[in-house]
Every structure is written in C-alpha cells, then in structure tokens.
PDB file of all heavy atoms in Angstrom:
ATOM      1  N   PHE A   1     -15.726  -6.079 -16.506  1.00  0.00           N
ATOM      2  CA  PHE A   1     -16.262  -5.723 -15.151  1.00  0.00           C
ATOM      3  C   PHE A   1     -15.161  -5.099 -14.278  1.00  0.00           C
ATOM      4  O   PHE A   1     -15.418  -4.059 -13.671  1.00  0.00           O
ATOM      5  CB  PHE A   1     -16.838  -6.980 -14.489  1.00  0.00           C
ATOM      6  CG  PHE A   1     -17.323  -6.738 -13.072  1.00  0.00           C
ATOM      7  CD1 PHE A   1     -18.552  -6.142 -12.829  1.00  0.00           C
ATOM      8  CD2 PHE A   1     -16.567  -7.156 -12.003  1.00  0.00           C
ATOM      9  CE1 PHE A   1     -18.999  -5.931 -11.522  1.00  0.00           C
ATOM     10  CE2 PHE A   1     -16.959  -6.933 -10.710  1.00  0.00           C
ATOM     11  CZ  PHE A   1     -18.219  -6.335 -10.494  1.00  0.00           C
ATOM     12  N   LEU A   2     -14.015  -5.714 -14.279  1.00  0.00           N
ATOM     13  CA  LEU A   2     -12.874  -5.157 -13.493  1.00  0.00           C
ATOM     14  C   LEU A   2     -12.445  -3.790 -14.051  1.00  0.00           C
ATOM     15  O   LEU A   2     -12.144  -2.882 -13.278  1.00  0.00           O
ATOM     16  CB  LEU A   2     -11.690  -6.114 -13.554  1.00  0.00           C
ATOM     17  CG  LEU A   2     -11.850  -7.471 -12.801  1.00  0.00           C
ATOM     18  CD1 LEU A   2     -10.571  -8.271 -12.969  1.00  0.00           C
ATOM     19  CD2 LEU A   2     -12.182  -7.238 -11.341  1.00  0.00           C
ATOM     20  N   ALA A   3     -12.512  -3.641 -15.367  1.00  0.00           N
ATOM     21  CA  ALA A   3     -12.109  -2.409 -15.979  1.00  0.00           C
ATOM     22  C   ALA A   3     -13.081  -1.242 -15.573  1.00  0.00           C
ATOM     23  O   ALA A   3     -12.684  -0.135 -15.314  1.00  0.00           O
ATOM     24  CB  ALA A   3     -12.067  -2.516 -17.488  1.00  0.00           C
ATOM     25  N   ASP A   4     -14.352  -1.563 -15.596  1.00  0.00           N
ATOM     26  CA  ASP A   4     -15.366  -0.567 -15.177  1.00  0.00           C
ATOM     27  C   ASP A   4     -15.180  -0.182 -13.718  1.00  0.00           C
ATOM     28  O   ASP A   4     -15.324   0.994 -13.360  1.00  0.00           O
ATOM     29  CB  ASP A   4     -16.777  -1.099 -15.399  1.00  0.00           C
ATOM     30  CG  ASP A   4     -17.192  -0.970 -16.857  1.00  0.00           C
ATOM     31  OD1 ASP A   4     -16.465  -0.349 -17.648  1.00  0.00           O
ATOM     32  OD2 ASP A   4     -18.279  -1.504 -17.209  1.00  0.00           O
ATOM     33  N   LYS A   5     -14.897  -1.146 -12.875  1.00  0.00           N
ATOM     34  CA  LYS A   5     -14.629  -0.830 -11.451  1.00  0.00           C
ATOM     35  C   LYS A   5     -13.427   0.062 -11.336  1.00  0.00           C
ATOM     36  O   LYS A   5     -13.419   1.040 -10.481  1.00  0.00           O
ATOM     37  CB  LYS A   5     -14.397  -2.142 -10.673  1.00  0.00           C
ATOM     38  CG  LYS A   5     -15.632  -2.998 -10.506  1.00  0.00           C
ATOM     39  CD  LYS A   5     -16.686  -2.275  -9.630  1.00  0.00           C
ATOM     40  CE  LYS A   5     -17.856  -3.173  -9.375  1.00  0.00           C
ATOM     41  NZ  LYS A   5     -18.897  -2.449  -8.529  1.00  0.00           N
ATOM     42  N   MET A   6     -12.430  -0.165 -12.161  1.00  0.00           N
ATOM     43  CA  MET A   6     -11.230   0.663 -12.120  1.00  0.00           C
ATOM     44  C   MET A   6     -11.571   2.102 -12.523  1.00  0.00           C
ATOM     45  O   MET A   6     -11.080   3.079 -11.901  1.00  0.00           O
ATOM     46  CB  MET A   6     -10.209   0.098 -13.120  1.00  0.00           C
ATOM     47  CG  MET A   6      -8.980   0.927 -13.356  1.00  0.00           C
ATOM     48  SD  MET A   6      -8.066   0.337 -14.785  1.00  0.00           S
ATOM     49  CE  MET A   6      -9.160   0.867 -16.110  1.00  0.00           C
ATOM     50  N   VAL A   7     -12.377   2.314 -13.560  1.00  0.00           N
ATOM     51  CA  VAL A   7     -12.786   3.645 -13.994  1.00  0.00           C
ATOM     52  C   VAL A   7     -13.556   4.384 -12.878  1.00  0.00           C
ATOM     53  O   VAL A   7     -13.370   5.549 -12.618  1.00  0.00           O
ATOM     54  CB  VAL A   7     -13.634   3.531 -15.264  1.00  0.00           C
ATOM     55  CG1 VAL A   7     -14.210   4.928 -15.629  1.00  0.00           C
ATOM     56  CG2 VAL A   7     -12.792   3.031 -16.426  1.00  0.00           C
ATOM     57  N   GLN A   8     -14.422   3.644 -12.206  1.00  0.00           N
ATOM     58  CA  GLN A   8     -15.199   4.267 -11.121  1.00  0.00           C
ATOM     59  C   GLN A   8     -14.304   4.677  -9.956  1.00  0.00           C
ATOM     60  O   GLN A   8     -14.508   5.759  -9.378  1.00  0.00           O
ATOM     61  CB  GLN A   8     -16.254   3.268 -10.587  1.00  0.00           C
ATOM     62  CG  GLN A   8     -17.348   2.924 -11.634  1.00  0.00           C
ATOM     63  CD  GLN A   8     -18.238   1.804 -11.185  1.00  0.00           C
ATOM     64  OE1 GLN A   8     -18.307   1.515 -10.000  1.00  0.00           O
ATOM     65  NE2 GLN A   8     -18.939   1.182 -12.121  1.00  0.00           N
ATOM     66  N   LYS A   9     -13.290   3.887  -9.635  1.00  0.00           N
ATOM     67  CA  LYS A   9     -12.360   4.261  -8.560  1.00  0.00           C
ATOM     68  C   LYS A   9     -11.524   5.457  -8.920  1.00  0.00           C
ATOM     69  O   LYS A   9     -11.071   6.193  -7.996  1.00  0.00           O
ATOM     70  CB  LYS A   9     -11.454   3.042  -8.254  1.00  0.00           C
ATOM     71  CG  LYS A   9     -12.184   1.848  -7.658  1.00  0.00           C
ATOM     72  CD  LYS A   9     -12.698   2.125  -6.261  1.00  0.00           C
ATOM     73  CE  LYS A   9     -13.347   0.896  -5.674  1.00  0.00           C
ATOM     74  NZ  LYS A   9     -13.927   1.147  -4.327  1.00  0.00           N
ATOM     75  N   ALA A  10     -11.271   5.702 -10.214  1.00  0.00           N
ATOM     76  CA  ALA A  10     -10.440   6.839 -10.621  1.00  0.00           C
ATOM     77  C   ALA A  10     -11.068   8.172 -10.285  1.00  0.00           C
ATOM     78  O   ALA A  10     -10.378   9.166 -10.070  1.00  0.00           O
ATOM     79  CB  ALA A  10     -10.112   6.751 -12.084  1.00  0.00           C
ATOM     80  N   LYS A  11     -12.441   8.257 -10.280  1.00  0.00           N
ATOM     81  CA  LYS A  11     -13.185   9.469  -9.927  1.00  0.00           C
ATOM     82  C   LYS A  11     -12.736  10.707 -10.737  1.00  0.00           C
ATOM     83  O   LYS A  11     -12.498  11.754 -10.183  1.00  0.00           O
ATOM     84  CB  LYS A  11     -13.047   9.731  -8.436  1.00  0.00           C
ATOM     85  CG  LYS A  11     -13.647   8.655  -7.556  1.00  0.00           C
ATOM     86  CD  LYS A  11     -13.526   8.965  -6.087  1.00  0.00           C
ATOM     87  CE  LYS A  11     -14.156   7.857  -5.227  1.00  0.00           C
ATOM     88  NZ  LYS A  11     -14.028   8.113  -3.774  1.00  0.00           N
ATOM     89  N   GLY A  12     -12.597  10.505 -12.035  1.00  0.00           N
ATOM     90  CA  GLY A  12     -12.319  11.609 -12.920  1.00  0.00           C
ATOM     91  C   GLY A  12     -10.838  12.002 -13.053  1.00  0.00           C
ATOM     92  O   GLY A  12     -10.519  12.872 -13.871  1.00  0.00           O
ATOM     93  N   SER A  13      -9.988  11.396 -12.334  1.00  0.00           N
ATOM     94  CA  SER A  13      -8.520  11.736 -12.381  1.00  0.00           C
ATOM     95  C   SER A  13      -7.849  10.817 -13.408  1.00  0.00           C
ATOM     96  O   SER A  13      -7.837   9.581 -13.227  1.00  0.00           O
ATOM     97  CB  SER A  13      -7.909  11.560 -11.006  1.00  0.00           C
ATOM     98  OG  SER A  13      -6.490  11.600 -11.063  1.00  0.00           O
ATOM     99  N   GLN A  14      -7.209  11.392 -14.401  1.00  0.00           N
ATOM    100  CA  GLN A  14      -6.468  10.611 -15.368  1.00  0.00           C
ATOM    101  C   GLN A  14      -5.257   9.944 -14.729  1.00  0.00           C
ATOM    102  O   GLN A  14      -4.884   8.822 -15.098  1.00  0.00           O
ATOM    103  CB  GLN A  14      -6.028  11.478 -16.554  1.00  0.00           C
ATOM    104  CG  GLN A  14      -7.167  11.872 -17.485  1.00  0.00           C
ATOM    105  CD  GLN A  14      -6.624  12.228 -18.888  1.00  0.00           C
ATOM    106  OE1 GLN A  14      -6.034  11.458 -19.544  1.00  0.00           O
ATOM    107  NE2 GLN A  14      -6.959  13.459 -19.283  1.00  0.00           N
ATOM    108  N   PHE A  15      -4.637  10.659 -13.838  1.00  0.00           N
ATOM    109  CA  PHE A  15      -3.474  10.103 -13.164  1.00  0.00           C
ATOM    110  C   PHE A  15      -3.821   8.845 -12.373  1.00  0.00           C
ATOM    111  O   PHE A  15      -3.140   7.821 -12.459  1.00  0.00           O
ATOM    112  CB  PHE A  15      -2.857  11.146 -12.224  1.00  0.00           C
ATOM    113  CG  PHE A  15      -1.615  10.706 -11.481  1.00  0.00           C
ATOM    114  CD1 PHE A  15      -0.382  10.699 -12.182  1.00  0.00           C
ATOM    115  CD2 PHE A  15      -1.636  10.294 -10.181  1.00  0.00           C
ATOM    116  CE1 PHE A  15       0.772  10.269 -11.536  1.00  0.00           C
ATOM    117  CE2 PHE A  15      -0.507   9.864  -9.543  1.00  0.00           C
ATOM    118  CZ  PHE A  15       0.720   9.842 -10.201  1.00  0.00           C
ATOM    119  N   ALA A  16      -4.936   8.927 -11.622  1.00  0.00           N
ATOM    120  CA  ALA A  16      -5.389   7.747 -10.861  1.00  0.00           C
ATOM    121  C   ALA A  16      -5.800   6.635 -11.787  1.00  0.00           C
ATOM    122  O   ALA A  16      -5.548   5.459 -11.495  1.00  0.00           O
ATOM    123  CB  ALA A  16      -6.555   8.155  -9.944  1.00  0.00           C
ATOM    124  N   LEU A  17      -6.460   6.970 -12.888  1.00  0.00           N
ATOM    125  CA  LEU A  17      -6.870   5.952 -13.859  1.00  0.00           C
ATOM    126  C   LEU A  17      -5.652   5.252 -14.496  1.00  0.00           C
ATOM    127  O   LEU A  17      -5.642   4.064 -14.650  1.00  0.00           O
ATOM    128  CB  LEU A  17      -7.712   6.629 -14.955  1.00  0.00           C
ATOM    129  CG  LEU A  17      -8.202   5.687 -16.057  1.00  0.00           C
ATOM    130  CD1 LEU A  17      -9.100   4.597 -15.458  1.00  0.00           C
ATOM    131  CD2 LEU A  17      -8.978   6.473 -17.120  1.00  0.00           C
ATOM    132  N   PHE A  18      -4.614   6.036 -14.766  1.00  0.00           N
ATOM    133  CA  PHE A  18      -3.379   5.513 -15.340  1.00  0.00           C
ATOM    134  C   PHE A  18      -2.776   4.472 -14.394  1.00  0.00           C
ATOM    135  O   PHE A  18      -2.407   3.380 -14.793  1.00  0.00           O
ATOM    136  CB  PHE A  18      -2.439   6.631 -15.651  1.00  0.00           C
ATOM    137  CG  PHE A  18      -1.165   6.233 -16.360  1.00  0.00           C
ATOM    138  CD1 PHE A  18      -1.146   6.201 -17.743  1.00  0.00           C
ATOM    139  CD2 PHE A  18      -0.035   5.881 -15.622  1.00  0.00           C
ATOM    140  CE1 PHE A  18       0.022   5.815 -18.398  1.00  0.00           C
ATOM    141  CE2 PHE A  18       1.107   5.531 -16.275  1.00  0.00           C
ATOM    142  CZ  PHE A  18       1.173   5.484 -17.671  1.00  0.00           C
ATOM    143  N   LEU A  19      -2.648   4.868 -13.148  1.00  0.00           N
ATOM    144  CA  LEU A  19      -2.052   3.936 -12.150  1.00  0.00           C
ATOM    145  C   LEU A  19      -2.945   2.712 -11.921  1.00  0.00           C
ATOM    146  O   LEU A  19      -2.443   1.581 -11.791  1.00  0.00           O
ATOM    147  CB  LEU A  19      -1.831   4.660 -10.824  1.00  0.00           C
ATOM    148  CG  LEU A  19      -0.812   5.786 -10.820  1.00  0.00           C
ATOM    149  CD1 LEU A  19      -0.759   6.441  -9.431  1.00  0.00           C
ATOM    150  CD2 LEU A  19       0.568   5.243 -11.186  1.00  0.00           C
ATOM    151  N   SER A  20      -4.255   2.922 -11.930  1.00  0.00           N
ATOM    152  CA  SER A  20      -5.168   1.768 -11.752  1.00  0.00           C
ATOM    153  C   SER A  20      -5.100   0.804 -12.907  1.00  0.00           C
ATOM    154  O   SER A  20      -5.093  -0.424 -12.746  1.00  0.00           O
ATOM    155  CB  SER A  20      -6.608   2.281 -11.581  1.00  0.00           C
ATOM    156  OG  SER A  20      -6.754   3.116 -10.467  1.00  0.00           O
ATOM    157  N   LEU A  21      -4.997   1.375 -14.105  1.00  0.00           N
ATOM    158  CA  LEU A  21      -4.893   0.556 -15.312  1.00  0.00           C
ATOM    159  C   LEU A  21      -3.585  -0.273 -15.300  1.00  0.00           C
ATOM    160  O   LEU A  21      -3.585  -1.435 -15.603  1.00  0.00           O
ATOM    161  CB  LEU A  21      -4.916   1.435 -16.566  1.00  0.00           C
ATOM    162  CG  LEU A  21      -4.671   0.665 -17.891  1.00  0.00           C
ATOM    163  CD1 LEU A  21      -5.856  -0.241 -18.187  1.00  0.00           C
ATOM    164  CD2 LEU A  21      -4.507   1.652 -19.037  1.00  0.00           C
ATOM    165  N   TYR A  22      -2.521   0.371 -14.885  1.00  0.00           N
ATOM    166  CA  TYR A  22      -1.232  -0.330 -14.818  1.00  0.00           C
ATOM    167  C   TYR A  22      -1.293  -1.493 -13.807  1.00  0.00           C
ATOM    168  O   TYR A  22      -0.867  -2.593 -14.114  1.00  0.00           O
ATOM    169  CB  TYR A  22      -0.110   0.631 -14.422  1.00  0.00           C
ATOM    170  CG  TYR A  22       1.284   0.020 -14.453  1.00  0.00           C
ATOM    171  CD1 TYR A  22       2.002   0.007 -15.627  1.00  0.00           C
ATOM    172  CD2 TYR A  22       1.832  -0.582 -13.325  1.00  0.00           C
ATOM    173  CE1 TYR A  22       3.238  -0.587 -15.688  1.00  0.00           C
ATOM    174  CE2 TYR A  22       3.082  -1.189 -13.385  1.00  0.00           C
ATOM    175  CZ  TYR A  22       3.784  -1.183 -14.566  1.00  0.00           C
ATOM    176  OH  TYR A  22       5.030  -1.766 -14.596  1.00  0.00           O
ATOM    177  N   ALA A  23      -1.918  -1.196 -12.676  1.00  0.00           N
ATOM    178  CA  ALA A  23      -2.045  -2.274 -11.625  1.00  0.00           C
ATOM    179  C   ALA A  23      -2.925  -3.396 -12.142  1.00  0.00           C
ATOM    180  O   ALA A  23      -2.581  -4.581 -11.969  1.00  0.00           O
ATOM    181  CB  ALA A  23      -2.596  -1.657 -10.377  1.00  0.00           C
ATOM    182  N   LEU A  24      -4.034  -3.061 -12.741  1.00  0.00           N
ATOM    183  CA  LEU A  24      -4.972  -4.101 -13.215  1.00  0.00           C
ATOM    184  C   LEU A  24      -4.365  -4.963 -14.315  1.00  0.00           C
ATOM    185  O   LEU A  24      -4.441  -6.198 -14.237  1.00  0.00           O
ATOM    186  CB  LEU A  24      -6.274  -3.441 -13.719  1.00  0.00           C
ATOM    187  CG  LEU A  24      -7.339  -4.382 -14.234  1.00  0.00           C
ATOM    188  CD1 LEU A  24      -7.813  -5.336 -13.162  1.00  0.00           C
ATOM    189  CD2 LEU A  24      -8.544  -3.594 -14.774  1.00  0.00           C
ATOM    190  N   CYS A  25      -3.737  -4.346 -15.298  1.00  0.00           N
ATOM    191  CA  CYS A  25      -3.113  -5.103 -16.375  1.00  0.00           C
ATOM    192  C   CYS A  25      -1.958  -5.949 -15.834  1.00  0.00           C
ATOM    193  O   CYS A  25      -1.772  -7.097 -16.307  1.00  0.00           O
ATOM    194  CB  CYS A  25      -2.569  -4.173 -17.474  1.00  0.00           C
ATOM    195  SG  CYS A  25      -3.890  -3.393 -18.426  1.00  0.00           S
ATOM    196  N   SER A  26      -1.272  -5.453 -14.878  1.00  0.00           N
ATOM    197  CA  SER A  26      -0.140  -6.191 -14.286  1.00  0.00           C
ATOM    198  C   SER A  26      -0.646  -7.463 -13.575  1.00  0.00           C
ATOM    199  O   SER A  26      -0.097  -8.562 -13.742  1.00  0.00           O
ATOM    200  CB  SER A  26       0.609  -5.328 -13.306  1.00  0.00           C
ATOM    201  OG  SER A  26       1.150  -4.195 -13.934  1.00  0.00           O
ATOM    202  N   ILE A  27      -1.701  -7.294 -12.793  1.00  0.00           N
ATOM    203  CA  ILE A  27      -2.266  -8.400 -12.046  1.00  0.00           C
ATOM    204  C   ILE A  27      -2.835  -9.486 -12.978  1.00  0.00           C
ATOM    205  O   ILE A  27      -2.575 -10.684 -12.843  1.00  0.00           O
ATOM    206  CB  ILE A  27      -3.381  -7.948 -11.056  1.00  0.00           C
ATOM    207  CG1 ILE A  27      -2.724  -7.071  -9.962  1.00  0.00           C
ATOM    208  CG2 ILE A  27      -4.081  -9.112 -10.419  1.00  0.00           C
ATOM    209  CD1 ILE A  27      -3.732  -6.352  -9.058  1.00  0.00           C
ATOM    210  N   LEU A  28      -3.615  -9.021 -13.973  1.00  0.00           N
ATOM    211  CA  LEU A  28      -4.211  -9.955 -14.913  1.00  0.00           C
ATOM    212  C   LEU A  28      -3.164 -10.692 -15.724  1.00  0.00           C
ATOM    213  O   LEU A  28      -3.315 -11.864 -16.046  1.00  0.00           O
ATOM    214  CB  LEU A  28      -5.202  -9.203 -15.810  1.00  0.00           C
ATOM    215  CG  LEU A  28      -6.453  -8.684 -15.145  1.00  0.00           C
ATOM    216  CD1 LEU A  28      -7.347  -7.941 -16.096  1.00  0.00           C
ATOM    217  CD2 LEU A  28      -7.223  -9.823 -14.450  1.00  0.00           C
ATOM    218  N   THR A  29      -2.092 -10.009 -16.139  1.00  0.00           N
ATOM    219  CA  THR A  29      -1.030 -10.601 -16.919  1.00  0.00           C
ATOM    220  C   THR A  29      -0.397 -11.764 -16.182  1.00  0.00           C
ATOM    221  O   THR A  29      -0.025 -12.787 -16.763  1.00  0.00           O
ATOM    222  CB  THR A  29       0.017  -9.559 -17.322  1.00  0.00           C
ATOM    223  OG1 THR A  29      -0.598  -8.574 -18.148  1.00  0.00           O
ATOM    224  CG2 THR A  29       1.128 -10.199 -18.113  1.00  0.00           C
ATOM    225  N   THR A  30      -0.125 -11.602 -14.873  1.00  0.00           N
ATOM    226  CA  THR A  30       0.530 -12.619 -14.115  1.00  0.00           C
ATOM    227  C   THR A  30      -0.266 -13.921 -14.068  1.00  0.00           C
ATOM    228  O   THR A  30       0.318 -14.984 -13.967  1.00  0.00           O
ATOM    229  CB  THR A  30       0.780 -12.135 -12.653  1.00  0.00           C
ATOM    230  OG1 THR A  30      -0.449 -11.836 -12.017  1.00  0.00           O
ATOM    231  CG2 THR A  30       1.675 -10.906 -12.631  1.00  0.00           C
ATOM    232  N   PHE A  31      -1.593 -13.813 -14.191  1.00  0.00           N
ATOM    233  CA  PHE A  31      -2.433 -15.006 -14.106  1.00  0.00           C
ATOM    234  C   PHE A  31      -2.930 -15.498 -15.489  1.00  0.00           C
ATOM    235  O   PHE A  31      -3.524 -16.565 -15.558  1.00  0.00           O
ATOM    236  CB  PHE A  31      -3.646 -14.762 -13.172  1.00  0.00           C
ATOM    237  CG  PHE A  31      -3.216 -14.658 -11.746  1.00  0.00           C
ATOM    238  CD1 PHE A  31      -3.107 -13.404 -11.124  1.00  0.00           C
ATOM    239  CD2 PHE A  31      -2.903 -15.776 -11.007  1.00  0.00           C
ATOM    240  CE1 PHE A  31      -2.739 -13.291  -9.798  1.00  0.00           C
ATOM    241  CE2 PHE A  31      -2.537 -15.673  -9.682  1.00  0.00           C
ATOM    242  CZ  PHE A  31      -2.453 -14.408  -9.077  1.00  0.00           C
ATOM    243  N   THR A  32      -2.736 -14.705 -16.515  1.00  0.00           N
ATOM    244  CA  THR A  32      -3.168 -15.104 -17.849  1.00  0.00           C
ATOM    245  C   THR A  32      -1.949 -15.129 -18.783  1.00  0.00           C
ATOM    246  O   THR A  32      -1.138 -16.030 -18.690  1.00  0.00           O
ATOM    247  CB  THR A  32      -4.271 -14.176 -18.353  1.00  0.00           C
ATOM    248  OG1 THR A  32      -3.809 -12.813 -18.357  1.00  0.00           O
ATOM    249  CG2 THR A  32      -5.486 -14.227 -17.466  1.00  0.00           C
ATOM    250  N   SER A  33      -1.848 -14.186 -19.662  1.00  0.00           N
ATOM    251  CA  SER A  33      -0.652 -14.014 -20.455  1.00  0.00           C
ATOM    252  C   SER A  33      -0.678 -12.585 -21.048  1.00  0.00           C
ATOM    253  O   SER A  33      -1.746 -11.959 -21.096  1.00  0.00           O
ATOM    254  CB  SER A  33      -0.624 -15.032 -21.603  1.00  0.00           C
ATOM    255  OG  SER A  33      -1.475 -14.666 -22.641  1.00  0.00           O
ATOM    256  N   ASN A  34       0.446 -12.118 -21.506  1.00  0.00           N
ATOM    257  CA  ASN A  34       0.538 -10.769 -22.021  1.00  0.00           C
ATOM    258  C   ASN A  34      -0.335 -10.620 -23.279  1.00  0.00           C
ATOM    259  O   ASN A  34      -1.010  -9.592 -23.445  1.00  0.00           O
ATOM    260  CB  ASN A  34       2.002 -10.379 -22.336  1.00  0.00           C
ATOM    261  CG  ASN A  34       2.697 -11.387 -23.210  1.00  0.00           C
ATOM    262  OD1 ASN A  34       2.205 -12.510 -23.513  1.00  0.00           O
ATOM    263  ND2 ASN A  34       3.880 -11.029 -23.682  1.00  0.00           N
ATOM    264  N   ASP A  35      -0.383 -11.607 -24.148  1.00  0.00           N
ATOM    265  CA  ASP A  35      -1.187 -11.505 -25.366  1.00  0.00           C
ATOM    266  C   ASP A  35      -2.644 -11.373 -25.022  1.00  0.00           C
ATOM    267  O   ASP A  35      -3.350 -10.581 -25.652  1.00  0.00           O
ATOM    268  CB  ASP A  35      -0.970 -12.752 -26.224  1.00  0.00           C
ATOM    269  CG  ASP A  35       0.465 -12.856 -26.777  1.00  0.00           C
ATOM    270  OD1 ASP A  35       1.167 -11.789 -26.734  1.00  0.00           O
ATOM    271  OD2 ASP A  35       0.885 -13.917 -27.187  1.00  0.00           O
ATOM    272  N   ILE A  36      -3.165 -12.133 -24.089  1.00  0.00           N
ATOM    273  CA  ILE A  36      -4.550 -12.100 -23.720  1.00  0.00           C
ATOM    274  C   ILE A  36      -4.949 -10.740 -23.224  1.00  0.00           C
ATOM    275  O   ILE A  36      -5.964 -10.175 -23.595  1.00  0.00           O
ATOM    276  CB  ILE A  36      -4.877 -13.205 -22.660  1.00  0.00           C
ATOM    277  CG1 ILE A  36      -4.651 -14.607 -23.231  1.00  0.00           C
ATOM    278  CG2 ILE A  36      -6.268 -13.044 -22.134  1.00  0.00           C
ATOM    279  CD1 ILE A  36      -5.600 -14.978 -24.348  1.00  0.00           C
ATOM    280  N   VAL A  37      -4.118 -10.150 -22.341  1.00  0.00           N
ATOM    281  CA  VAL A  37      -4.428  -8.848 -21.736  1.00  0.00           C
ATOM    282  C   VAL A  37      -4.410  -7.778 -22.845  1.00  0.00           C
ATOM    283  O   VAL A  37      -5.318  -6.941 -22.874  1.00  0.00           O
ATOM    284  CB  VAL A  37      -3.422  -8.501 -20.635  1.00  0.00           C
ATOM    285  CG1 VAL A  37      -3.558  -7.077 -20.178  1.00  0.00           C
ATOM    286  CG2 VAL A  37      -3.625  -9.444 -19.439  1.00  0.00           C
ATOM    287  N   ILE A  38      -3.420  -7.803 -23.710  1.00  0.00           N
ATOM    288  CA  ILE A  38      -3.323  -6.771 -24.742  1.00  0.00           C
ATOM    289  C   ILE A  38      -4.506  -6.856 -25.691  1.00  0.00           C
ATOM    290  O   ILE A  38      -5.134  -5.846 -26.017  1.00  0.00           O
ATOM    291  CB  ILE A  38      -1.979  -6.943 -25.506  1.00  0.00           C
ATOM    292  CG1 ILE A  38      -0.807  -6.512 -24.618  1.00  0.00           C
ATOM    293  CG2 ILE A  38      -1.993  -6.109 -26.812  1.00  0.00           C
ATOM    294  CD1 ILE A  38       0.531  -6.876 -25.158  1.00  0.00           C
ATOM    295  N   LEU A  39      -4.835  -8.030 -26.133  1.00  0.00           N
ATOM    296  CA  LEU A  39      -5.939  -8.215 -27.069  1.00  0.00           C
ATOM    297  C   LEU A  39      -7.329  -7.913 -26.428  1.00  0.00           C
ATOM    298  O   LEU A  39      -8.256  -7.560 -27.088  1.00  0.00           O
ATOM    299  CB  LEU A  39      -5.936  -9.631 -27.659  1.00  0.00           C
ATOM    300  CG  LEU A  39      -4.722  -9.964 -28.484  1.00  0.00           C
ATOM    301  CD1 LEU A  39      -4.807 -11.399 -29.013  1.00  0.00           C
ATOM    302  CD2 LEU A  39      -4.567  -8.991 -29.675  1.00  0.00           C
ATOM    303  N   THR A  40      -7.381  -8.129 -25.120  1.00  0.00           N
ATOM    304  CA  THR A  40      -8.656  -7.884 -24.380  1.00  0.00           C
ATOM    305  C   THR A  40      -8.847  -6.415 -24.082  1.00  0.00           C
ATOM    306  O   THR A  40      -9.926  -5.878 -24.307  1.00  0.00           O
ATOM    307  CB  THR A  40      -8.646  -8.656 -23.068  1.00  0.00           C
ATOM    308  OG1 THR A  40      -8.565 -10.065 -23.347  1.00  0.00           O
ATOM    309  CG2 THR A  40      -9.901  -8.384 -22.250  1.00  0.00           C
ATOM    310  N   PHE A  41      -7.815  -5.737 -23.593  1.00  0.00           N
ATOM    311  CA  PHE A  41      -7.997  -4.375 -23.114  1.00  0.00           C
ATOM    312  C   PHE A  41      -7.871  -3.296 -24.179  1.00  0.00           C
ATOM    313  O   PHE A  41      -8.406  -2.193 -24.016  1.00  0.00           O
ATOM    314  CB  PHE A  41      -6.967  -4.078 -21.987  1.00  0.00           C
ATOM    315  CG  PHE A  41      -7.446  -4.495 -20.620  1.00  0.00           C
ATOM    316  CD1 PHE A  41      -7.327  -5.769 -20.193  1.00  0.00           C
ATOM    317  CD2 PHE A  41      -8.111  -3.587 -19.821  1.00  0.00           C
ATOM    318  CE1 PHE A  41      -7.778  -6.155 -18.941  1.00  0.00           C
ATOM    319  CE2 PHE A  41      -8.560  -3.931 -18.584  1.00  0.00           C
ATOM    320  CZ  PHE A  41      -8.417  -5.226 -18.129  1.00  0.00           C
ATOM    321  N   THR A  42      -7.195  -3.553 -25.243  1.00  0.00           N
ATOM    322  CA  THR A  42      -6.963  -2.511 -26.262  1.00  0.00           C
ATOM    323  C   THR A  42      -8.275  -1.987 -26.854  1.00  0.00           C
ATOM    324  O   THR A  42      -8.485  -0.760 -26.897  1.00  0.00           O
ATOM    325  CB  THR A  42      -6.024  -3.022 -27.370  1.00  0.00           C
ATOM    326  OG1 THR A  42      -4.768  -3.375 -26.790  1.00  0.00           O
ATOM    327  CG2 THR A  42      -5.785  -1.931 -28.416  1.00  0.00           C
ATOM    328  N   PRO A  43      -9.188  -2.846 -27.328  1.00  0.00           N
ATOM    329  CA  PRO A  43     -10.473  -2.295 -27.817  1.00  0.00           C
ATOM    330  C   PRO A  43     -11.242  -1.509 -26.770  1.00  0.00           C
ATOM    331  O   PRO A  43     -11.857  -0.486 -27.082  1.00  0.00           O
ATOM    332  CB  PRO A  43     -11.214  -3.599 -28.262  1.00  0.00           C
ATOM    333  CG  PRO A  43     -10.165  -4.584 -28.517  1.00  0.00           C
ATOM    334  CD  PRO A  43      -9.113  -4.313 -27.468  1.00  0.00           C
ATOM    335  N   PHE A  44     -11.218  -2.028 -25.492  1.00  0.00           N
ATOM    336  CA  PHE A  44     -11.936  -1.329 -24.442  1.00  0.00           C
ATOM    337  C   PHE A  44     -11.344   0.065 -24.201  1.00  0.00           C
ATOM    338  O   PHE A  44     -12.080   1.065 -24.097  1.00  0.00           O
ATOM    339  CB  PHE A  44     -11.837  -2.137 -23.156  1.00  0.00           C
ATOM    340  CG  PHE A  44     -12.172  -1.351 -21.916  1.00  0.00           C
ATOM    341  CD1 PHE A  44     -13.478  -1.073 -21.573  1.00  0.00           C
ATOM    342  CD2 PHE A  44     -11.156  -0.851 -21.094  1.00  0.00           C
ATOM    343  CE1 PHE A  44     -13.779  -0.343 -20.443  1.00  0.00           C
ATOM    344  CE2 PHE A  44     -11.432  -0.103 -19.969  1.00  0.00           C
ATOM    345  CZ  PHE A  44     -12.781   0.149 -19.645  1.00  0.00           C
TER     346      PHE A  44
END
C-alpha cells in the first residue's frame, strides 16, 4: 500500500520515484530490518 502511494506521488517522474523509493525503504528499514525490506520490495 505504501509502495503504491509512492508511485502515485511520483506522477510519471523516474527521478521523483527514485527519491521516494529511497525515502520509503529508509523509513521502513529503521523500524523493521534490512532483510525484511529487501525481501519485501524486490519482487514488487
């Protein structure tokens, strides 16, 4: 759900999507773990 919101906020810009992805993965990693984020987001 958070990932889809991130894609919508990017509005077609790969640069904005890249920064949004970095921010989202960073935030989620701090509260979960690096392994969880990597295994969750890679297939998506």
